[in-house]
Amino acid sequence: AETATTGVTYDALLRFASLAAEGSETAAANIEAMTGLETTVDVSRLRFVPLTDVPTAVGTAPHAGTVFELHGEPSGYLAILFAEPSAARIADAMLPMEPDEPLGEMTEHALCELGNVMTSGLIDGWANVLETSISHSPPEFVHDIGASTISPLVAKLSERQDYGFVIDTAIQTEGIQARCDVYALPDERELARALDRLSDS
């Protein structure tokens, strides 16, 4: 079935689900290169949810992570959010010394670096499959109730699209496992065009 406003078909959504896996492999390689620690990034589930429901999907628990604006095809936003315990665990694994405080300045820096290499890996994987070019802004660190970090992005996009993607992700590095959710909010029309070109070639 097609959505009435965007023309994104179910088959196209299945193809985007395969892109999530493609991007996670590149993200794992990027984290490994940055930290020197053997790393896997596994996508356990991709959900396609109405944009207005995305803040509810994040929930009200405190999260920490990074938000990026995407440029290219597709443009849009990408947020990588960790529940506080996972944020502290993964940052601790990355840092050469004990952090100054559980979610202090050192942890913020580590999560920004992690977000940078994960986002680069994800969008490079997507761009390779879509045969497009995508870049991203510097990371914006966020630490707040989960829904509060996503609501401003939804507000910016709500006039031109209806859906977003929630990618449930697990990062394993040196015996440390941290779960995060990747909120991919690509411009639906641009994504549909890129997927259509792919299916036509």
C-alpha atoms as a PDB file:
ATOM      1  CA  ALA A   1       0.000   0.000   0.000  1.00  0.00           C
ATOM      2  CA  GLU A   2       1.142   3.567  -0.586  1.00  0.00           C
ATOM      3  CA  THR A   3       0.908   6.425   1.849  1.00  0.00           C
ATOM      4  CA  ALA A   4      -1.397   9.090   0.490  1.00  0.00           C
ATOM      5  CA  THR A   5       1.016  12.003   0.807  1.00  0.00           C
ATOM      6  CA  THR A   6       4.447  10.648  -0.013  1.00  0.00           C
ATOM      7  CA  GLY A   7       4.202   7.654  -2.313  1.00  0.00           C
ATOM      8  CA  VAL A   8       6.569   5.608  -0.135  1.00  0.00           C
ATOM      9  CA  THR A   9       5.539   2.020  -0.819  1.00  0.00           C
ATOM     10  CA  TYR A  10       5.807  -0.984   1.464  1.00  0.00           C
ATOM     11  CA  ASP A  11       8.490  -2.460  -0.821  1.00  0.00           C
ATOM     12  CA  ALA A  12      10.457   0.770  -0.489  1.00  0.00           C
ATOM     13  CA  LEU A  13      10.243   0.513   3.298  1.00  0.00           C
ATOM     14  CA  LEU A  14      11.618  -3.025   3.151  1.00  0.00           C
ATOM     15  CA  ARG A  15      14.521  -1.721   1.090  1.00  0.00           C
ATOM     16  CA  PHE A  16      15.161   0.986   3.684  1.00  0.00           C
ATOM     17  CA  ALA A  17      15.217  -1.705   6.379  1.00  0.00           C
ATOM     18  CA  SER A  18      18.074  -3.368   4.497  1.00  0.00           C
ATOM     19  CA  LEU A  19      19.872  -0.001   4.444  1.00  0.00           C
ATOM     20  CA  ALA A  20      19.796   0.064   8.255  1.00  0.00           C
ATOM     21  CA  ALA A  21      21.826  -3.138   8.364  1.00  0.00           C
ATOM     22  CA  GLU A  22      24.204  -1.848   5.691  1.00  0.00           C
ATOM     23  CA  GLY A  23      24.859   1.323   7.680  1.00  0.00           C
ATOM     24  CA  SER A  24      25.380  -0.515  10.984  1.00  0.00           C
ATOM     25  CA  GLU A  25      28.322  -2.503   9.565  1.00  0.00           C
ATOM     26  CA  THR A  26      30.029   0.709   8.471  1.00  0.00           C
ATOM     27  CA  ALA A  27      29.263   2.310  11.853  1.00  0.00           C
ATOM     28  CA  ALA A  28      30.900  -0.625  13.689  1.00  0.00           C
ATOM     29  CA  ALA A  29      34.013  -0.333  11.514  1.00  0.00           C
ATOM     30  CA  ASN A  30      34.191   3.409  12.248  1.00  0.00           C
ATOM     31  CA  ILE A  31      33.916   2.898  16.039  1.00  0.00           C
ATOM     32  CA  GLU A  32      36.592   0.201  15.895  1.00  0.00           C
ATOM     33  CA  ALA A  33      38.921   2.488  13.930  1.00  0.00           C
ATOM     34  CA  MET A  34      38.374   5.348  16.422  1.00  0.00           C
ATOM     35  CA  THR A  35      38.747   3.362  19.649  1.00  0.00           C
ATOM     36  CA  GLY A  36      40.891   0.391  18.656  1.00  0.00           C
ATOM     37  CA  LEU A  37      38.287  -1.790  20.393  1.00  0.00           C
ATOM     38  CA  GLU A  38      36.641  -4.683  18.580  1.00  0.00           C
ATOM     39  CA  THR A  39      33.064  -3.547  18.001  1.00  0.00           C
ATOM     40  CA  THR A  40      29.800  -4.840  16.605  1.00  0.00           C
ATOM     41  CA  VAL A  41      26.697  -2.786  15.890  1.00  0.00           C
ATOM     42  CA  ASP A  42      23.554  -4.912  15.530  1.00  0.00           C
ATOM     43  CA  VAL A  43      20.166  -3.703  14.318  1.00  0.00           C
ATOM     44  CA  SER A  44      17.524  -5.755  16.090  1.00  0.00           C
ATOM     45  CA  ARG A  45      14.436  -4.053  14.680  1.00  0.00           C
ATOM     46  CA  LEU A  46      13.364  -1.199  12.430  1.00  0.00           C
ATOM     47  CA  ARG A  47      10.006   0.392  13.102  1.00  0.00           C
ATOM     48  CA  PHE A  48       8.161   2.703  10.714  1.00  0.00           C
ATOM     49  CA  VAL A  49       6.028   4.990  12.881  1.00  0.00           C
ATOM     50  CA  PRO A  50       3.835   8.048  12.330  1.00  0.00           C
ATOM     51  CA  LEU A  51       5.970  11.130  12.907  1.00  0.00           C
ATOM     52  CA  THR A  52       3.669  12.421  15.634  1.00  0.00           C
ATOM     53  CA  ASP A  53       4.191   9.140  17.552  1.00  0.00           C
ATOM     54  CA  VAL A  54       8.003   9.322  17.500  1.00  0.00           C
ATOM     55  CA  PRO A  55       8.290  11.318  20.791  1.00  0.00           C
ATOM     56  CA  THR A  56       6.057   8.698  22.460  1.00  0.00           C
ATOM     57  CA  ALA A  57       8.322   5.960  21.089  1.00  0.00           C
ATOM     58  CA  VAL A  58      11.280   7.603  22.872  1.00  0.00           C
ATOM     59  CA  GLY A  59       9.355   7.797  26.136  1.00  0.00           C
ATOM     60  CA  THR A  60       9.841   9.913  29.243  1.00  0.00           C
ATOM     61  CA  ALA A  61      13.012   8.325  30.670  1.00  0.00           C
ATOM     62  CA  PRO A  62      16.137  10.545  30.598  1.00  0.00           C
ATOM     63  CA  HIS A  63      18.339   9.957  27.539  1.00  0.00           C
ATOM     64  CA  ALA A  64      21.704  11.271  26.380  1.00  0.00           C
ATOM     65  CA  GLY A  65      23.054  11.334  22.871  1.00  0.00           C
ATOM     66  CA  THR A  66      23.471  13.376  19.734  1.00  0.00           C
ATOM     67  CA  VAL A  67      21.312  14.973  17.054  1.00  0.00           C
ATOM     68  CA  PHE A  68      22.454  15.630  13.479  1.00  0.00           C
ATOM     69  CA  GLU A  69      20.974  17.452  10.516  1.00  0.00           C
ATOM     70  CA  LEU A  70      21.396  15.543   7.249  1.00  0.00           C
ATOM     71  CA  HIS A  71      22.154  17.228   3.922  1.00  0.00           C
ATOM     72  CA  GLY A  72      21.909  15.580   0.514  1.00  0.00           C
ATOM     73  CA  GLU A  73      19.464  12.951  -0.670  1.00  0.00           C
ATOM     74  CA  PRO A  74      17.708  12.306   1.568  1.00  0.00           C
ATOM     75  CA  SER A  75      18.044  15.311   3.855  1.00  0.00           C
ATOM     76  CA  GLY A  76      16.438  15.321   7.303  1.00  0.00           C
ATOM     77  CA  TYR A  77      17.542  14.536  10.854  1.00  0.00           C
ATOM     78  CA  LEU A  78      19.182  11.673  12.699  1.00  0.00           C
ATOM     79  CA  ALA A  79      19.220  11.275  16.488  1.00  0.00           C
ATOM     80  CA  ILE A  80      21.184   8.623  18.400  1.00  0.00           C
ATOM     81  CA  LEU A  81      19.838   8.323  21.939  1.00  0.00           C
ATOM     82  CA  PHE A  82      21.025   6.172  24.846  1.00  0.00           C
ATOM     83  CA  ALA A  83      19.163   5.638  28.107  1.00  0.00           C
ATOM     84  CA  GLU A  84      21.364   7.155  30.839  1.00  0.00           C
ATOM     85  CA  PRO A  85      22.880   3.836  32.107  1.00  0.00           C
ATOM     86  CA  SER A  86      23.822   2.778  28.557  1.00  0.00           C
ATOM     87  CA  ALA A  87      25.261   6.229  27.830  1.00  0.00           C
ATOM     88  CA  ALA A  88      27.498   6.016  30.899  1.00  0.00           C
ATOM     89  CA  ARG A  89      28.595   2.434  30.069  1.00  0.00           C
ATOM     90  CA  ILE A  90      29.586   3.078  26.470  1.00  0.00           C
ATOM     91  CA  ALA A  91      31.337   6.362  27.290  1.00  0.00           C
ATOM     92  CA  ASP A  92      33.263   4.659  30.104  1.00  0.00           C
ATOM     93  CA  ALA A  93      34.430   1.957  27.670  1.00  0.00           C
ATOM     94  CA  MET A  94      35.678   4.622  25.255  1.00  0.00           C
ATOM     95  CA  LEU A  95      37.464   6.845  27.772  1.00  0.00           C
ATOM     96  CA  PRO A  96      41.109   6.193  28.750  1.00  0.00           C
ATOM     97  CA  MET A  97      40.389   7.245  32.353  1.00  0.00           C
ATOM     98  CA  GLU A  98      37.480   7.353  34.782  1.00  0.00           C
ATOM     99  CA  PRO A  99      35.030  10.095  33.760  1.00  0.00           C
ATOM    100  CA  ASP A 100      34.824  13.178  35.965  1.00  0.00           C
ATOM    101  CA  GLU A 101      31.162  12.407  36.660  1.00  0.00           C
ATOM    102  CA  PRO A 102      28.711   9.854  35.205  1.00  0.00           C
ATOM    103  CA  LEU A 103      27.321  12.172  32.522  1.00  0.00           C
ATOM    104  CA  GLY A 104      29.734  15.089  32.744  1.00  0.00           C
ATOM    105  CA  GLU A 105      31.869  16.898  30.181  1.00  0.00           C
ATOM    106  CA  MET A 106      34.136  13.917  29.397  1.00  0.00           C
ATOM    107  CA  THR A 107      31.133  11.683  28.773  1.00  0.00           C
ATOM    108  CA  GLU A 108      29.528  14.362  26.586  1.00  0.00           C
ATOM    109  CA  HIS A 109      32.687  14.550  24.472  1.00  0.00           C
ATOM    110  CA  ALA A 110      32.848  10.744  24.164  1.00  0.00           C
ATOM    111  CA  LEU A 111      29.184  10.496  23.125  1.00  0.00           C
ATOM    112  CA  CYS A 112      29.651  13.270  20.536  1.00  0.00           C
ATOM    113  CA  GLU A 113      32.637  11.418  19.055  1.00  0.00           C
ATOM    114  CA  LEU A 114      30.676   8.168  19.095  1.00  0.00           C
ATOM    115  CA  GLY A 115      27.651   9.850  17.503  1.00  0.00           C
ATOM    116  CA  ASN A 116      29.882  11.362  14.808  1.00  0.00           C
ATOM    117  CA  VAL A 117      31.410   8.067  13.701  1.00  0.00           C
ATOM    118  CA  MET A 118      28.118   6.159  13.997  1.00  0.00           C
ATOM    119  CA  THR A 119      26.260   8.748  11.929  1.00  0.00           C
ATOM    120  CA  SER A 120      29.005   8.879   9.303  1.00  0.00           C
ATOM    121  CA  GLY A 121      28.892   5.092   9.081  1.00  0.00           C
ATOM    122  CA  LEU A 122      25.120   4.925   8.848  1.00  0.00           C
ATOM    123  CA  ILE A 123      24.713   7.585   6.174  1.00  0.00           C
ATOM    124  CA  ASP A 124      27.757   6.384   4.199  1.00  0.00           C
ATOM    125  CA  GLY A 125      26.155   2.936   4.120  1.00  0.00           C
ATOM    126  CA  TRP A 126      22.845   4.409   3.008  1.00  0.00           C
ATOM    127  CA  ALA A 127      24.458   6.657   0.380  1.00  0.00           C
ATOM    128  CA  ASN A 128      26.414   3.713  -1.062  1.00  0.00           C
ATOM    129  CA  VAL A 129      23.243   1.677  -1.520  1.00  0.00           C
ATOM    130  CA  LEU A 130      21.131   4.606  -2.750  1.00  0.00           C
ATOM    131  CA  GLU A 131      23.964   5.900  -4.985  1.00  0.00           C
ATOM    132  CA  THR A 132      23.505   9.400  -3.591  1.00  0.00           C
ATOM    133  CA  SER A 133      25.573  11.793  -1.483  1.00  0.00           C
ATOM    134  CA  ILE A 134      24.631  12.527   2.150  1.00  0.00           C
ATOM    135  CA  SER A 135      26.551  14.616   4.691  1.00  0.00           C
ATOM    136  CA  HIS A 136      25.778  15.650   8.271  1.00  0.00           C
ATOM    137  CA  SER A 137      26.153  18.611  10.600  1.00  0.00           C
ATOM    138  CA  PRO A 138      28.439  18.578  13.673  1.00  0.00           C
ATOM    139  CA  PRO A 139      26.847  16.737  16.625  1.00  0.00           C
ATOM    140  CA  GLU A 140      24.466  18.552  18.950  1.00  0.00           C
ATOM    141  CA  PHE A 141      24.675  16.924  22.388  1.00  0.00           C
ATOM    142  CA  VAL A 142      21.321  16.336  24.080  1.00  0.00           C
ATOM    143  CA  HIS A 143      20.592  15.144  27.621  1.00  0.00           C
ATOM    144  CA  ASP A 144      16.960  15.370  28.634  1.00  0.00           C
ATOM    145  CA  ILE A 145      13.715  13.452  28.849  1.00  0.00           C
ATOM    146  CA  GLY A 146      13.721  11.410  25.655  1.00  0.00           C
ATOM    147  CA  ALA A 147      10.565  12.872  24.159  1.00  0.00           C
ATOM    148  CA  SER A 148      11.884  16.415  24.738  1.00  0.00           C
ATOM    149  CA  THR A 149      14.932  15.767  22.560  1.00  0.00           C
ATOM    150  CA  ILE A 150      12.865  14.544  19.613  1.00  0.00           C
ATOM    151  CA  SER A 151       9.828  16.846  19.763  1.00  0.00           C
ATOM    152  CA  PRO A 152      11.634  19.879  18.206  1.00  0.00           C
ATOM    153  CA  LEU A 153      12.722  17.755  15.208  1.00  0.00           C
ATOM    154  CA  VAL A 154       9.198  16.454  14.730  1.00  0.00           C
ATOM    155  CA  ALA A 155       7.874  20.024  14.855  1.00  0.00           C
ATOM    156  CA  LYS A 156      10.294  21.069  12.076  1.00  0.00           C
ATOM    157  CA  LEU A 157       9.286  18.171   9.831  1.00  0.00           C
ATOM    158  CA  SER A 158       5.580  17.762  10.557  1.00  0.00           C
ATOM    159  CA  GLU A 159       4.405  20.093   7.782  1.00  0.00           C
ATOM    160  CA  ARG A 160       6.072  18.080   5.048  1.00  0.00           C
ATOM    161  CA  GLN A 161       6.001  14.452   6.117  1.00  0.00           C
ATOM    162  CA  ASP A 162       4.099  11.848   8.068  1.00  0.00           C
ATOM    163  CA  TYR A 163       6.517   9.098   9.119  1.00  0.00           C
ATOM    164  CA  GLY A 164       9.867   8.399  10.753  1.00  0.00           C
ATOM    165  CA  PHE A 165      12.041   5.353  11.369  1.00  0.00           C
ATOM    166  CA  VAL A 166      13.105   3.998  14.757  1.00  0.00           C
ATOM    167  CA  ILE A 167      16.119   1.669  14.499  1.00  0.00           C
ATOM    168  CA  ASP A 168      16.725  -0.429  17.637  1.00  0.00           C
ATOM    169  CA  THR A 169      20.478  -0.872  17.896  1.00  0.00           C
ATOM    170  CA  ALA A 170      22.958  -2.627  20.196  1.00  0.00           C
ATOM    171  CA  ILE A 171      26.658  -1.727  20.398  1.00  0.00           C
ATOM    172  CA  GLN A 172      29.044  -4.341  21.784  1.00  0.00           C
ATOM    173  CA  THR A 173      32.637  -3.351  22.493  1.00  0.00           C
ATOM    174  CA  GLU A 174      35.208  -5.044  24.753  1.00  0.00           C
ATOM    175  CA  GLY A 175      32.564  -6.912  26.746  1.00  0.00           C
ATOM    176  CA  ILE A 176      30.417  -3.791  27.206  1.00  0.00           C
ATOM    177  CA  GLN A 177      26.957  -3.771  25.650  1.00  0.00           C
ATOM    178  CA  ALA A 178      24.960  -0.588  25.245  1.00  0.00           C
ATOM    179  CA  ARG A 179      21.546  -0.279  23.644  1.00  0.00           C
ATOM    180  CA  CYS A 180      20.570   2.821  21.745  1.00  0.00           C
ATOM    181  CA  ASP A 181      17.806   3.878  19.422  1.00  0.00           C
ATOM    182  CA  VAL A 182      18.531   5.637  16.159  1.00  0.00           C
ATOM    183  CA  TYR A 183      15.719   7.963  15.094  1.00  0.00           C
ATOM    184  CA  ALA A 184      16.010   8.446  11.340  1.00  0.00           C
ATOM    185  CA  LEU A 185      13.785  11.221  10.026  1.00  0.00           C
ATOM    186  CA  PRO A 186      14.645  11.454   6.322  1.00  0.00           C
ATOM    187  CA  ASP A 187      12.657  13.590   3.913  1.00  0.00           C
ATOM    188  CA  GLU A 188      10.162  11.024   2.632  1.00  0.00           C
ATOM    189  CA  ARG A 189       9.875  12.426  -0.878  1.00  0.00           C
ATOM    190  CA  GLU A 190      13.647  12.478  -1.347  1.00  0.00           C
ATOM    191  CA  LEU A 191      13.970   8.958   0.053  1.00  0.00           C
ATOM    192  CA  ALA A 192      11.174   7.724  -2.230  1.00  0.00           C
ATOM    193  CA  ARG A 193      12.872   9.298  -5.277  1.00  0.00           C
ATOM    194  CA  ALA A 194      16.220   7.701  -4.425  1.00  0.00           C
ATOM    195  CA  LEU A 195      14.621   4.292  -3.846  1.00  0.00           C
ATOM    196  CA  ASP A 196      12.633   4.588  -7.082  1.00  0.00           C
ATOM    197  CA  ARG A 197      15.802   5.332  -9.060  1.00  0.00           C
ATOM    198  CA  LEU A 198      17.433   2.324  -7.435  1.00  0.00           C
ATOM    199  CA  SER A 199      14.581   0.006  -8.416  1.00  0.00           C
ATOM    200  CA  ASP A 200      14.578   1.356 -11.984  1.00  0.00           C
ATOM    201  CA  SER A 201      18.305   0.783 -12.518  1.00  0.00           C
END
